[in-house]
Amino acid sequence: MPLNITRLTTLTLLGAALAVSSGCATKVSRVDTSTEIALSDRWNAKDSELVANEMIDDMMSFPWARDFSQNHTRRPTIIISRIANKSHEHIAVDTFVNDVKRAIIRSGRADFVAGGAEREAIRAERRDQEMNAHNAKEMGQENAADFALSGSINSIVDQVGNDRVTFYQVDMKLIDMQSNREVWNGQKKIQKLQEKNSFGF
C-alpha cells in the first residue's frame, strides 16, 4: 500500500511538472514587418516609420523645394544635422533617421548627402583610393548640402492607478544653409493609452 501511494504521488508530481513546462513553452512566429505589434505603449518601429513618412510628406509640400529647383535647375540636397532623443525612454534614433532618409529619397524631389561618421568613413575610403586605386575619386568634389534637417523626440507620461497615457511629440525643422532661413517646421504627435487590469497586462 505505501508503495502504491508513493507511485501515485510520483506520477501526480510528474504530471504537474509536465503541465507547468508545457504552459511555459515559448512560441515564435514570423509576421509581416508592415504589421504593427504593440506589446506596450512604448515607441515602436511602426511609430518611427509613420512619423518619418508623414513629416517628410509635409516637408516636401512646402514651397522651398519648388522654389529651389526653379532657381537652380536641380533638386536640393539635404543633410541631417541632428535628431535628439529627449524622451523618457531609449529610442533607436538611428532607425528613425534611416526612415527619414528613405522618405526623402523616395519623394524624388530632393537628394540626400551623408554627414557625421558616415561622411568621415567615405572620406577615409576616398583617401585610401587615392593611394591604391588608378581610378580613384578626387577629394574636394563632394556635393554640399543646401539644407540641414534637425529635430527632437520628446515625451510626456501621465499615469493614474493602473492606466497610463504616453504622449510623444516629434519636432523637426529645415534650415537653408546659405541664408540660415527656416524654410519648414513640422510637428507630429502620438498619444497612446495603456490600460492595466488587476491581473497585469
N, C-alpha and C. Protein backbone atom coordinates (compact mmCIF):
# COMPACT_ATOMS: atom_id res chain seq x y z
N MET A 1 0.82 -1.22 0.00
CA MET A 1 0.00 0.00 0.00
C MET A 1 0.85 1.26 0.00
N PRO A 2 1.83 1.40 0.87
CA PRO A 2 2.68 2.58 0.84
C PRO A 2 3.39 2.74 -0.50
N LEU A 3 3.74 1.58 -1.14
CA LEU A 3 4.42 1.64 -2.43
C LEU A 3 3.50 2.25 -3.49
N ASN A 4 2.20 1.85 -3.46
CA ASN A 4 1.23 2.38 -4.43
C ASN A 4 1.01 3.88 -4.22
N ILE A 5 0.97 4.30 -2.94
CA ILE A 5 0.79 5.72 -2.64
C ILE A 5 1.98 6.52 -3.13
N THR A 6 3.19 5.98 -2.93
CA THR A 6 4.39 6.66 -3.39
C THR A 6 4.41 6.77 -4.91
N ARG A 7 4.01 5.67 -5.57
CA ARG A 7 3.98 5.68 -7.03
C ARG A 7 2.95 6.68 -7.54
N LEU A 8 1.79 6.73 -6.88
CA LEU A 8 0.74 7.67 -7.27
C LEU A 8 1.19 9.12 -7.08
N THR A 9 1.88 9.35 -5.97
CA THR A 9 2.40 10.70 -5.70
C THR A 9 3.42 11.11 -6.75
N THR A 10 4.31 10.19 -7.11
CA THR A 10 5.33 10.47 -8.12
C THR A 10 4.70 10.79 -9.46
N LEU A 11 3.70 9.99 -9.85
CA LEU A 11 3.03 10.23 -11.14
C LEU A 11 2.30 11.56 -11.15
N THR A 12 1.69 11.89 -9.99
CA THR A 12 0.97 13.17 -9.88
C THR A 12 1.92 14.34 -10.03
N LEU A 13 3.06 14.27 -9.34
CA LEU A 13 4.06 15.35 -9.42
C LEU A 13 4.63 15.46 -10.83
N LEU A 14 4.86 14.32 -11.47
CA LEU A 14 5.40 14.32 -12.83
C LEU A 14 4.41 14.97 -13.79
N GLY A 15 3.13 14.62 -13.62
CA GLY A 15 2.11 15.21 -14.47
C GLY A 15 2.01 16.71 -14.28
N ALA A 16 2.10 17.15 -13.03
CA ALA A 16 2.05 18.59 -12.75
C ALA A 16 3.24 19.30 -13.35
N ALA A 17 4.42 18.70 -13.26
CA ALA A 17 5.62 19.30 -13.83
C ALA A 17 5.51 19.44 -15.34
N LEU A 18 4.95 18.39 -15.99
CA LEU A 18 4.78 18.45 -17.45
C LEU A 18 3.78 19.53 -17.84
N ALA A 19 2.72 19.67 -17.03
CA ALA A 19 1.71 20.70 -17.33
C ALA A 19 2.29 22.09 -17.20
N VAL A 20 3.11 22.30 -16.17
CA VAL A 20 3.74 23.60 -15.97
C VAL A 20 4.71 23.92 -17.09
N SER A 21 5.52 22.90 -17.46
CA SER A 21 6.52 23.15 -18.50
C SER A 21 5.86 23.41 -19.84
N SER A 22 4.76 22.71 -20.13
CA SER A 22 4.06 22.95 -21.40
C SER A 22 3.39 24.30 -21.41
N GLY A 23 2.91 24.73 -20.22
CA GLY A 23 2.26 26.03 -20.12
C GLY A 23 3.24 27.17 -20.29
N CYS A 24 4.51 26.95 -20.03
CA CYS A 24 5.53 28.00 -20.13
C CYS A 24 6.30 27.92 -21.45
N ALA A 25 5.84 27.05 -22.36
CA ALA A 25 6.55 26.90 -23.63
C ALA A 25 6.49 28.19 -24.43
N THR A 26 7.58 28.51 -25.14
CA THR A 26 7.67 29.73 -25.94
C THR A 26 7.37 29.41 -27.39
N LYS A 27 6.53 30.21 -28.00
CA LYS A 27 6.19 30.04 -29.41
C LYS A 27 6.62 31.29 -30.17
N VAL A 28 7.36 31.11 -31.23
CA VAL A 28 7.83 32.22 -32.05
C VAL A 28 7.25 32.08 -33.45
N SER A 29 6.65 33.15 -33.96
CA SER A 29 6.06 33.14 -35.30
C SER A 29 6.63 34.29 -36.12
N ARG A 30 6.82 34.05 -37.39
CA ARG A 30 7.22 35.12 -38.30
C ARG A 30 5.99 35.91 -38.72
N VAL A 31 6.11 37.23 -38.66
CA VAL A 31 4.99 38.09 -39.06
C VAL A 31 5.49 39.12 -40.06
N ASP A 32 4.58 39.63 -40.85
CA ASP A 32 4.93 40.67 -41.82
C ASP A 32 5.45 41.90 -41.10
N THR A 33 6.57 42.45 -41.58
CA THR A 33 7.17 43.61 -40.92
C THR A 33 6.31 44.85 -41.01
N SER A 34 5.33 44.86 -41.91
CA SER A 34 4.43 46.01 -42.01
C SER A 34 3.30 45.95 -40.99
N THR A 35 3.19 44.81 -40.29
CA THR A 35 2.15 44.65 -39.28
C THR A 35 2.63 45.20 -37.94
N GLU A 36 1.84 46.06 -37.35
CA GLU A 36 2.22 46.63 -36.05
C GLU A 36 1.88 45.65 -34.93
N ILE A 37 2.86 45.38 -34.09
CA ILE A 37 2.65 44.53 -32.92
C ILE A 37 2.96 45.40 -31.70
N ALA A 38 1.92 45.89 -31.06
CA ALA A 38 2.08 46.80 -29.93
C ALA A 38 1.96 46.01 -28.63
N LEU A 39 3.10 45.67 -28.05
CA LEU A 39 3.10 44.95 -26.78
C LEU A 39 3.05 45.90 -25.59
N SER A 40 3.31 47.18 -25.84
CA SER A 40 3.26 48.19 -24.78
C SER A 40 2.99 49.54 -25.42
N ASP A 41 3.00 50.58 -24.58
CA ASP A 41 2.76 51.93 -25.11
C ASP A 41 4.06 52.62 -25.50
N ARG A 42 5.13 51.89 -25.58
CA ARG A 42 6.42 52.50 -25.93
C ARG A 42 6.51 52.79 -27.44
N TRP A 43 7.43 53.67 -27.78
CA TRP A 43 7.74 53.99 -29.18
C TRP A 43 8.18 52.71 -29.87
N ASN A 44 7.63 52.43 -31.06
CA ASN A 44 8.00 51.21 -31.76
C ASN A 44 8.34 51.49 -33.22
N ALA A 45 8.64 50.43 -33.96
CA ALA A 45 9.08 50.57 -35.35
C ALA A 45 8.02 51.21 -36.22
N LYS A 46 6.74 50.91 -35.94
CA LYS A 46 5.66 51.49 -36.74
C LYS A 46 5.55 52.98 -36.50
N ASP A 47 5.73 53.41 -35.24
CA ASP A 47 5.74 54.84 -34.94
C ASP A 47 6.83 55.54 -35.75
N SER A 48 8.02 54.95 -35.76
CA SER A 48 9.15 55.54 -36.47
C SER A 48 8.85 55.71 -37.95
N GLU A 49 8.31 54.67 -38.55
CA GLU A 49 8.02 54.70 -40.00
C GLU A 49 6.92 55.71 -40.33
N LEU A 50 5.82 55.67 -39.57
CA LEU A 50 4.69 56.56 -39.85
C LEU A 50 5.06 58.03 -39.65
N VAL A 51 5.78 58.32 -38.56
CA VAL A 51 6.17 59.71 -38.28
C VAL A 51 7.10 60.21 -39.38
N ALA A 52 8.10 59.41 -39.76
CA ALA A 52 9.03 59.83 -40.81
C ALA A 52 8.30 60.11 -42.12
N ASN A 53 7.44 59.21 -42.54
CA ASN A 53 6.74 59.37 -43.81
C ASN A 53 5.82 60.60 -43.80
N GLU A 54 5.06 60.77 -42.72
CA GLU A 54 4.12 61.90 -42.66
C GLU A 54 4.85 63.24 -42.59
N MET A 55 5.94 63.28 -41.82
CA MET A 55 6.65 64.56 -41.68
C MET A 55 7.38 64.94 -42.96
N ILE A 56 7.97 63.96 -43.63
CA ILE A 56 8.67 64.28 -44.88
C ILE A 56 7.67 64.64 -45.98
N ASP A 57 6.51 63.97 -46.02
CA ASP A 57 5.47 64.37 -46.97
C ASP A 57 5.06 65.82 -46.75
N ASP A 58 4.91 66.20 -45.48
CA ASP A 58 4.55 67.57 -45.14
C ASP A 58 5.67 68.53 -45.54
N MET A 59 6.92 68.14 -45.26
CA MET A 59 8.06 69.00 -45.59
C MET A 59 8.16 69.26 -47.09
N MET A 60 7.94 68.21 -47.87
CA MET A 60 8.07 68.36 -49.32
C MET A 60 6.89 69.11 -49.94
N SER A 61 5.81 69.29 -49.19
CA SER A 61 4.66 70.03 -49.71
C SER A 61 4.84 71.54 -49.57
N PHE A 62 5.84 71.98 -48.80
CA PHE A 62 6.10 73.40 -48.64
C PHE A 62 6.82 73.94 -49.89
N PRO A 63 6.76 75.25 -50.13
CA PRO A 63 7.29 75.83 -51.39
C PRO A 63 8.81 75.85 -51.52
N TRP A 64 9.58 75.58 -50.48
CA TRP A 64 11.04 75.70 -50.55
C TRP A 64 11.65 74.81 -51.63
N ALA A 65 11.16 73.57 -51.76
CA ALA A 65 11.73 72.63 -52.74
C ALA A 65 11.44 73.09 -54.17
N ARG A 66 10.20 73.52 -54.41
CA ARG A 66 9.83 74.01 -55.74
C ARG A 66 10.63 75.26 -56.09
N ASP A 67 10.73 76.19 -55.14
CA ASP A 67 11.47 77.44 -55.40
C ASP A 67 12.94 77.17 -55.68
N PHE A 68 13.53 76.26 -54.92
CA PHE A 68 14.95 75.96 -55.12
C PHE A 68 15.18 75.35 -56.51
N SER A 69 14.35 74.40 -56.88
CA SER A 69 14.50 73.74 -58.19
C SER A 69 14.34 74.73 -59.33
N GLN A 70 13.42 75.66 -59.19
CA GLN A 70 13.22 76.66 -60.24
C GLN A 70 14.42 77.60 -60.36
N ASN A 71 15.03 77.96 -59.23
CA ASN A 71 16.14 78.91 -59.23
C ASN A 71 17.49 78.28 -59.57
N HIS A 72 17.62 76.97 -59.35
CA HIS A 72 18.92 76.32 -59.55
C HIS A 72 18.90 75.21 -60.59
N THR A 73 17.75 74.95 -61.17
CA THR A 73 17.57 73.90 -62.19
C THR A 73 18.12 72.55 -61.74
N ARG A 74 17.99 72.26 -60.48
CA ARG A 74 18.36 70.94 -59.94
C ARG A 74 17.60 70.75 -58.63
N ARG A 75 17.64 69.51 -58.15
CA ARG A 75 16.99 69.22 -56.88
C ARG A 75 17.86 69.67 -55.71
N PRO A 76 17.26 70.09 -54.61
CA PRO A 76 18.05 70.48 -53.44
C PRO A 76 18.65 69.25 -52.76
N THR A 77 19.76 69.45 -52.06
CA THR A 77 20.37 68.38 -51.29
C THR A 77 20.19 68.67 -49.80
N ILE A 78 19.91 67.62 -49.04
CA ILE A 78 19.61 67.75 -47.61
C ILE A 78 20.60 66.92 -46.81
N ILE A 79 21.00 67.44 -45.66
CA ILE A 79 21.82 66.69 -44.72
C ILE A 79 21.10 66.69 -43.37
N ILE A 80 21.17 65.57 -42.66
CA ILE A 80 20.59 65.52 -41.32
C ILE A 80 21.67 65.92 -40.33
N SER A 81 21.48 67.06 -39.69
CA SER A 81 22.50 67.53 -38.75
C SER A 81 22.38 66.82 -37.41
N ARG A 82 21.16 66.74 -36.86
CA ARG A 82 20.99 66.06 -35.58
C ARG A 82 19.52 65.86 -35.26
N ILE A 83 19.18 64.66 -34.83
CA ILE A 83 17.86 64.39 -34.29
C ILE A 83 18.08 63.79 -32.90
N ALA A 84 17.65 64.51 -31.87
CA ALA A 84 17.94 64.14 -30.49
C ALA A 84 16.76 63.43 -29.84
N ASN A 85 17.07 62.44 -29.05
CA ASN A 85 16.06 61.76 -28.25
C ASN A 85 15.99 62.41 -26.87
N LYS A 86 14.93 63.16 -26.62
CA LYS A 86 14.73 63.81 -25.32
C LYS A 86 13.57 63.19 -24.56
N SER A 87 13.17 62.01 -24.99
CA SER A 87 12.04 61.33 -24.37
C SER A 87 12.47 60.62 -23.09
N HIS A 88 11.52 60.00 -22.41
CA HIS A 88 11.78 59.31 -21.15
C HIS A 88 12.35 57.91 -21.34
N GLU A 89 12.41 57.45 -22.59
CA GLU A 89 12.85 56.07 -22.83
C GLU A 89 13.93 56.01 -23.90
N HIS A 90 14.57 54.85 -23.99
CA HIS A 90 15.57 54.66 -25.03
C HIS A 90 14.85 54.47 -26.36
N ILE A 91 15.21 55.27 -27.34
CA ILE A 91 14.65 55.16 -28.68
C ILE A 91 15.81 55.00 -29.66
N ALA A 92 15.68 54.04 -30.56
CA ALA A 92 16.71 53.82 -31.58
C ALA A 92 16.62 54.94 -32.61
N VAL A 93 17.30 56.04 -32.33
CA VAL A 93 17.23 57.21 -33.20
C VAL A 93 17.76 56.90 -34.60
N ASP A 94 18.77 56.03 -34.68
CA ASP A 94 19.32 55.67 -35.99
C ASP A 94 18.26 55.06 -36.90
N THR A 95 17.36 54.28 -36.32
CA THR A 95 16.27 53.69 -37.12
C THR A 95 15.35 54.78 -37.65
N PHE A 96 15.03 55.75 -36.81
CA PHE A 96 14.18 56.86 -37.23
C PHE A 96 14.88 57.69 -38.31
N VAL A 97 16.19 57.95 -38.13
CA VAL A 97 16.95 58.71 -39.12
C VAL A 97 16.93 57.99 -40.47
N ASN A 98 17.09 56.67 -40.46
CA ASN A 98 17.06 55.92 -41.72
C ASN A 98 15.68 55.97 -42.37
N ASP A 99 14.63 55.95 -41.55
CA ASP A 99 13.27 56.10 -42.11
C ASP A 99 13.10 57.47 -42.75
N VAL A 100 13.68 58.50 -42.13
CA VAL A 100 13.63 59.85 -42.70
C VAL A 100 14.39 59.91 -44.02
N LYS A 101 15.58 59.31 -44.05
CA LYS A 101 16.38 59.29 -45.28
C LYS A 101 15.61 58.63 -46.41
N ARG A 102 15.01 57.48 -46.12
CA ARG A 102 14.26 56.75 -47.15
C ARG A 102 13.10 57.60 -47.68
N ALA A 103 12.43 58.29 -46.77
CA ALA A 103 11.29 59.11 -47.19
C ALA A 103 11.74 60.27 -48.08
N ILE A 104 12.89 60.87 -47.75
CA ILE A 104 13.42 61.97 -48.56
C ILE A 104 13.78 61.48 -49.95
N ILE A 105 14.53 60.39 -50.03
CA ILE A 105 14.97 59.86 -51.32
C ILE A 105 13.78 59.39 -52.15
N ARG A 106 12.82 58.72 -51.48
CA ARG A 106 11.65 58.19 -52.19
C ARG A 106 10.78 59.29 -52.77
N SER A 107 10.81 60.48 -52.16
CA SER A 107 9.98 61.59 -52.66
C SER A 107 10.37 62.00 -54.07
N GLY A 108 11.66 61.79 -54.42
CA GLY A 108 12.13 62.17 -55.75
C GLY A 108 12.28 63.66 -55.95
N ARG A 109 12.09 64.46 -54.89
CA ARG A 109 12.15 65.92 -55.02
C ARG A 109 13.36 66.53 -54.33
N ALA A 110 14.17 65.67 -53.69
CA ALA A 110 15.38 66.16 -53.03
C ALA A 110 16.39 65.03 -52.96
N ASP A 111 17.66 65.40 -52.89
CA ASP A 111 18.74 64.43 -52.73
C ASP A 111 19.24 64.48 -51.30
N PHE A 112 19.91 63.43 -50.91
CA PHE A 112 20.41 63.34 -49.55
C PHE A 112 21.92 63.14 -49.58
N VAL A 113 22.65 63.88 -48.75
CA VAL A 113 24.10 63.70 -48.66
C VAL A 113 24.45 63.21 -47.26
N ALA A 114 25.50 62.40 -47.21
CA ALA A 114 25.92 61.80 -45.94
C ALA A 114 26.55 62.85 -45.03
N GLY A 115 26.42 62.62 -43.74
CA GLY A 115 27.01 63.52 -42.75
C GLY A 115 27.58 62.74 -41.59
N GLY A 116 28.25 63.43 -40.68
CA GLY A 116 28.75 62.82 -39.46
C GLY A 116 29.74 61.71 -39.70
N ALA A 117 29.58 60.61 -38.94
CA ALA A 117 30.51 59.48 -39.01
C ALA A 117 30.48 58.82 -40.38
N GLU A 118 29.30 58.79 -41.01
CA GLU A 118 29.18 58.19 -42.33
C GLU A 118 30.01 58.96 -43.36
N ARG A 119 29.95 60.28 -43.28
CA ARG A 119 30.73 61.12 -44.20
C ARG A 119 32.22 60.93 -43.99
N GLU A 120 32.65 60.84 -42.71
CA GLU A 120 34.08 60.65 -42.42
C GLU A 120 34.56 59.30 -42.93
N ALA A 121 33.71 58.28 -42.84
CA ALA A 121 34.09 56.96 -43.34
C ALA A 121 34.28 56.97 -44.86
N ILE A 122 33.42 57.72 -45.55
CA ILE A 122 33.53 57.82 -47.01
C ILE A 122 34.79 58.58 -47.39
N ARG A 123 35.11 59.64 -46.64
CA ARG A 123 36.33 60.39 -46.92
C ARG A 123 37.57 59.55 -46.69
N ALA A 124 37.53 58.72 -45.65
CA ALA A 124 38.66 57.82 -45.39
C ALA A 124 38.82 56.83 -46.53
N GLU A 125 37.71 56.32 -47.05
CA GLU A 125 37.77 55.41 -48.18
C GLU A 125 38.32 56.10 -49.42
N ARG A 126 37.96 57.38 -49.62
CA ARG A 126 38.46 58.13 -50.76
C ARG A 126 39.97 58.35 -50.65
N ARG A 127 40.44 58.63 -49.44
CA ARG A 127 41.89 58.78 -49.25
C ARG A 127 42.62 57.48 -49.53
N ASP A 128 42.01 56.38 -49.13
CA ASP A 128 42.61 55.07 -49.41
C ASP A 128 42.65 54.80 -50.90
N GLN A 129 41.61 55.19 -51.62
CA GLN A 129 41.58 55.02 -53.07
C GLN A 129 42.70 55.81 -53.75
N GLU A 130 42.93 57.03 -53.26
CA GLU A 130 43.99 57.86 -53.85
C GLU A 130 45.35 57.18 -53.75
N MET A 131 45.54 56.39 -52.71
CA MET A 131 46.81 55.70 -52.50
C MET A 131 46.91 54.40 -53.28
N ASN A 132 45.75 53.78 -53.58
CA ASN A 132 45.80 52.41 -54.08
C ASN A 132 45.03 52.13 -55.37
N ALA A 133 44.19 53.05 -55.81
CA ALA A 133 43.37 52.78 -56.99
C ALA A 133 43.74 53.72 -58.14
N HIS A 134 43.79 53.18 -59.37
CA HIS A 134 44.17 54.01 -60.52
C HIS A 134 43.03 54.93 -60.96
N ASN A 135 41.78 54.58 -60.61
CA ASN A 135 40.64 55.41 -60.99
C ASN A 135 39.96 55.99 -59.75
N ALA A 136 40.76 56.44 -58.80
CA ALA A 136 40.24 56.95 -57.52
C ALA A 136 39.40 58.21 -57.73
N LYS A 137 38.41 58.37 -56.91
CA LYS A 137 37.58 59.57 -56.92
C LYS A 137 38.34 60.70 -56.23
N GLU A 138 38.27 61.88 -56.82
CA GLU A 138 39.05 63.00 -56.32
C GLU A 138 38.47 63.57 -55.04
N MET A 139 39.37 64.04 -54.19
CA MET A 139 38.94 64.76 -52.98
C MET A 139 38.43 66.14 -53.39
N GLY A 140 37.58 66.71 -52.59
CA GLY A 140 37.08 68.06 -52.85
C GLY A 140 36.01 68.15 -53.91
N GLN A 141 35.41 67.01 -54.27
CA GLN A 141 34.37 67.01 -55.30
C GLN A 141 32.99 66.65 -54.74
N GLU A 142 32.85 66.75 -53.44
CA GLU A 142 31.57 66.39 -52.83
C GLU A 142 30.49 67.42 -53.16
N ASN A 143 29.25 66.95 -53.14
CA ASN A 143 28.11 67.87 -53.25
C ASN A 143 27.81 68.44 -51.87
N ALA A 144 27.80 69.74 -51.77
CA ALA A 144 27.50 70.37 -50.48
C ALA A 144 26.00 70.32 -50.22
N ALA A 145 25.64 70.30 -48.96
CA ALA A 145 24.23 70.31 -48.59
C ALA A 145 23.66 71.72 -48.73
N ASP A 146 22.47 71.80 -49.29
CA ASP A 146 21.77 73.08 -49.41
C ASP A 146 20.92 73.37 -48.18
N PHE A 147 20.44 72.30 -47.54
CA PHE A 147 19.56 72.45 -46.38
C PHE A 147 19.96 71.45 -45.30
N ALA A 148 19.79 71.85 -44.05
CA ALA A 148 20.09 70.98 -42.91
C ALA A 148 18.79 70.67 -42.16
N LEU A 149 18.58 69.39 -41.89
CA LEU A 149 17.38 68.94 -41.19
C LEU A 149 17.76 68.52 -39.77
N SER A 150 17.03 69.03 -38.79
CA SER A 150 17.30 68.68 -37.40
C SER A 150 15.98 68.53 -36.66
N GLY A 151 16.04 67.92 -35.47
CA GLY A 151 14.81 67.74 -34.72
C GLY A 151 15.01 67.05 -33.40
N SER A 152 13.91 66.74 -32.75
CA SER A 152 13.95 66.09 -31.45
C SER A 152 12.69 65.27 -31.23
N ILE A 153 12.82 64.25 -30.36
CA ILE A 153 11.69 63.42 -29.95
C ILE A 153 11.49 63.63 -28.46
N ASN A 154 10.32 64.11 -28.07
CA ASN A 154 10.00 64.37 -26.67
C ASN A 154 8.82 63.50 -26.24
N SER A 155 8.67 63.34 -24.93
CA SER A 155 7.56 62.53 -24.44
C SER A 155 7.07 63.04 -23.09
N ILE A 156 5.80 62.74 -22.80
CA ILE A 156 5.19 63.03 -21.51
C ILE A 156 4.42 61.79 -21.09
N VAL A 157 4.60 61.35 -19.85
CA VAL A 157 3.89 60.18 -19.33
C VAL A 157 2.97 60.63 -18.20
N ASP A 158 1.69 60.26 -18.31
CA ASP A 158 0.71 60.58 -17.27
C ASP A 158 0.07 59.27 -16.82
N GLN A 159 0.20 58.96 -15.52
CA GLN A 159 -0.32 57.70 -15.02
C GLN A 159 -1.16 57.92 -13.77
N VAL A 160 -2.33 57.28 -13.76
CA VAL A 160 -3.21 57.28 -12.60
C VAL A 160 -3.63 55.84 -12.36
N GLY A 161 -3.28 55.32 -11.20
CA GLY A 161 -3.62 53.94 -10.90
C GLY A 161 -2.98 52.99 -11.88
N ASN A 162 -3.81 52.16 -12.52
CA ASN A 162 -3.30 51.16 -13.46
C ASN A 162 -3.32 51.63 -14.91
N ASP A 163 -3.79 52.84 -15.16
CA ASP A 163 -3.88 53.36 -16.52
C ASP A 163 -2.77 54.37 -16.79
N ARG A 164 -2.22 54.33 -18.01
CA ARG A 164 -1.12 55.23 -18.35
C ARG A 164 -1.31 55.77 -19.76
N VAL A 165 -1.09 57.06 -19.89
CA VAL A 165 -1.12 57.72 -21.20
C VAL A 165 0.29 58.21 -21.51
N THR A 166 0.81 57.79 -22.66
CA THR A 166 2.13 58.23 -23.10
C THR A 166 1.98 59.09 -24.34
N PHE A 167 2.52 60.28 -24.27
CA PHE A 167 2.40 61.26 -25.35
C PHE A 167 3.79 61.52 -25.95
N TYR A 168 3.90 61.37 -27.25
CA TYR A 168 5.15 61.64 -27.96
C TYR A 168 4.95 62.83 -28.89
N GLN A 169 5.96 63.68 -28.96
CA GLN A 169 5.94 64.81 -29.89
C GLN A 169 7.28 64.87 -30.61
N VAL A 170 7.22 64.82 -31.93
CA VAL A 170 8.42 64.92 -32.76
C VAL A 170 8.40 66.27 -33.45
N ASP A 171 9.43 67.06 -33.23
CA ASP A 171 9.57 68.38 -33.86
C ASP A 171 10.78 68.34 -34.79
N MET A 172 10.61 68.85 -36.00
CA MET A 172 11.71 68.91 -36.96
C MET A 172 11.65 70.23 -37.71
N LYS A 173 12.83 70.69 -38.14
CA LYS A 173 12.90 71.92 -38.92
C LYS A 173 13.98 71.80 -39.99
N LEU A 174 13.78 72.56 -41.06
CA LEU A 174 14.71 72.56 -42.19
C LEU A 174 15.27 73.96 -42.36
N ILE A 175 16.60 74.05 -42.37
CA ILE A 175 17.28 75.34 -42.43
C ILE A 175 18.04 75.48 -43.75
N ASP A 176 17.88 76.63 -44.40
CA ASP A 176 18.65 76.95 -45.60
C ASP A 176 20.09 77.22 -45.16
N MET A 177 21.04 76.43 -45.67
CA MET A 177 22.43 76.52 -45.23
C MET A 177 23.08 77.85 -45.61
N GLN A 178 22.63 78.47 -46.68
CA GLN A 178 23.24 79.73 -47.13
C GLN A 178 22.68 80.93 -46.39
N SER A 179 21.38 80.99 -46.25
CA SER A 179 20.74 82.16 -45.64
C SER A 179 20.41 81.98 -44.17
N ASN A 180 20.52 80.74 -43.68
CA ASN A 180 20.14 80.41 -42.30
C ASN A 180 18.64 80.62 -42.07
N ARG A 181 17.88 80.62 -43.14
CA ARG A 181 16.43 80.81 -43.06
C ARG A 181 15.73 79.49 -42.80
N GLU A 182 14.78 79.50 -41.90
CA GLU A 182 14.00 78.30 -41.61
C GLU A 182 12.88 78.20 -42.64
N VAL A 183 12.95 77.19 -43.50
CA VAL A 183 12.00 77.08 -44.60
C VAL A 183 10.87 76.10 -44.31
N TRP A 184 11.03 75.31 -43.26
CA TRP A 184 9.97 74.37 -42.89
C TRP A 184 10.10 74.03 -41.41
N ASN A 185 8.96 73.92 -40.76
CA ASN A 185 8.91 73.50 -39.36
C ASN A 185 7.73 72.55 -39.22
N GLY A 186 8.02 71.32 -38.80
CA GLY A 186 6.96 70.32 -38.72
C GLY A 186 6.85 69.71 -37.34
N GLN A 187 5.66 69.19 -37.05
CA GLN A 187 5.40 68.59 -35.75
C GLN A 187 4.44 67.42 -35.93
N LYS A 188 4.74 66.34 -35.25
CA LYS A 188 3.87 65.16 -35.26
C LYS A 188 3.67 64.67 -33.83
N LYS A 189 2.40 64.40 -33.47
CA LYS A 189 2.08 63.96 -32.11
C LYS A 189 1.47 62.56 -32.15
N ILE A 190 1.86 61.77 -31.16
CA ILE A 190 1.31 60.42 -30.98
C ILE A 190 0.90 60.27 -29.52
N GLN A 191 -0.31 59.75 -29.29
CA GLN A 191 -0.76 59.53 -27.92
C GLN A 191 -1.24 58.08 -27.79
N LYS A 192 -0.76 57.40 -26.74
CA LYS A 192 -1.09 56.00 -26.54
C LYS A 192 -1.66 55.80 -25.14
N LEU A 193 -2.73 55.00 -25.07
CA LEU A 193 -3.34 54.65 -23.79
C LEU A 193 -3.07 53.19 -23.51
N GLN A 194 -2.49 52.93 -22.35
CA GLN A 194 -2.25 51.56 -21.91
C GLN A 194 -3.06 51.31 -20.65
N GLU A 195 -4.01 50.36 -20.74
CA GLU A 195 -4.88 50.06 -19.61
C GLU A 195 -4.46 48.73 -19.00
N LYS A 196 -4.33 48.73 -17.69
CA LYS A 196 -3.84 47.57 -16.97
C LYS A 196 -4.93 47.08 -16.02
N ASN A 197 -5.29 45.79 -16.13
CA ASN A 197 -6.27 45.25 -15.18
C ASN A 197 -5.57 44.76 -13.92
N SER A 198 -6.31 44.28 -12.99
CA SER A 198 -5.76 43.88 -11.69
C SER A 198 -4.87 42.65 -11.78
N PHE A 199 -4.95 41.93 -12.92
CA PHE A 199 -4.15 40.73 -13.08
C PHE A 199 -2.89 40.98 -13.90
N GLY A 200 -2.65 42.25 -14.26
CA GLY A 200 -1.47 42.60 -15.05
C GLY A 200 -1.84 42.73 -16.51
N PHE A 201 -0.83 43.01 -17.34
CA PHE A 201 -1.09 43.24 -18.76
C PHE A 201 -1.32 41.92 -19.48
